Amino acid sequence: MLRHFIHYGIHFLVPILIAFWFFKGNRIKVALILLAGILIDVDHFWADPLFDPQRCSVGFHFLHSYWAIALYAILPFFKPTRIIGLALIIHIIADSIDCLLM
């Protein structure tokens, strides 16, 4: 239970807190972009079974692969992709912590 609270707290609460704390001028827009980082979970649709609570997403799904994570780590260094990169990194952090708590 605690594992799921932490995992989904990072997915949903942390993006909102970051947007409201660091992006005061565009809080709502940034919060929505950061929350949209969850969309990389679309790669779960190609897994069999679709959902496995004991499977670590990081390194398993293609949008959670180490190559993809390397790309996500580069995105915040460029202004046009900064917030999207942050959203994807937050998502990977949430999934990584979930893997550690398994």
Foldseek 3Di string as FASTA:
>chain_A
DVLVCQLVCLLQVVLLVCLVPPVVPPSVVLSVLLNCLCVLLVQLVVDVVSDDLLDQPQCPGPCNDPVVLVVLVCQLVDVVRNSNSVSNNSNNVSSVSSNVVD
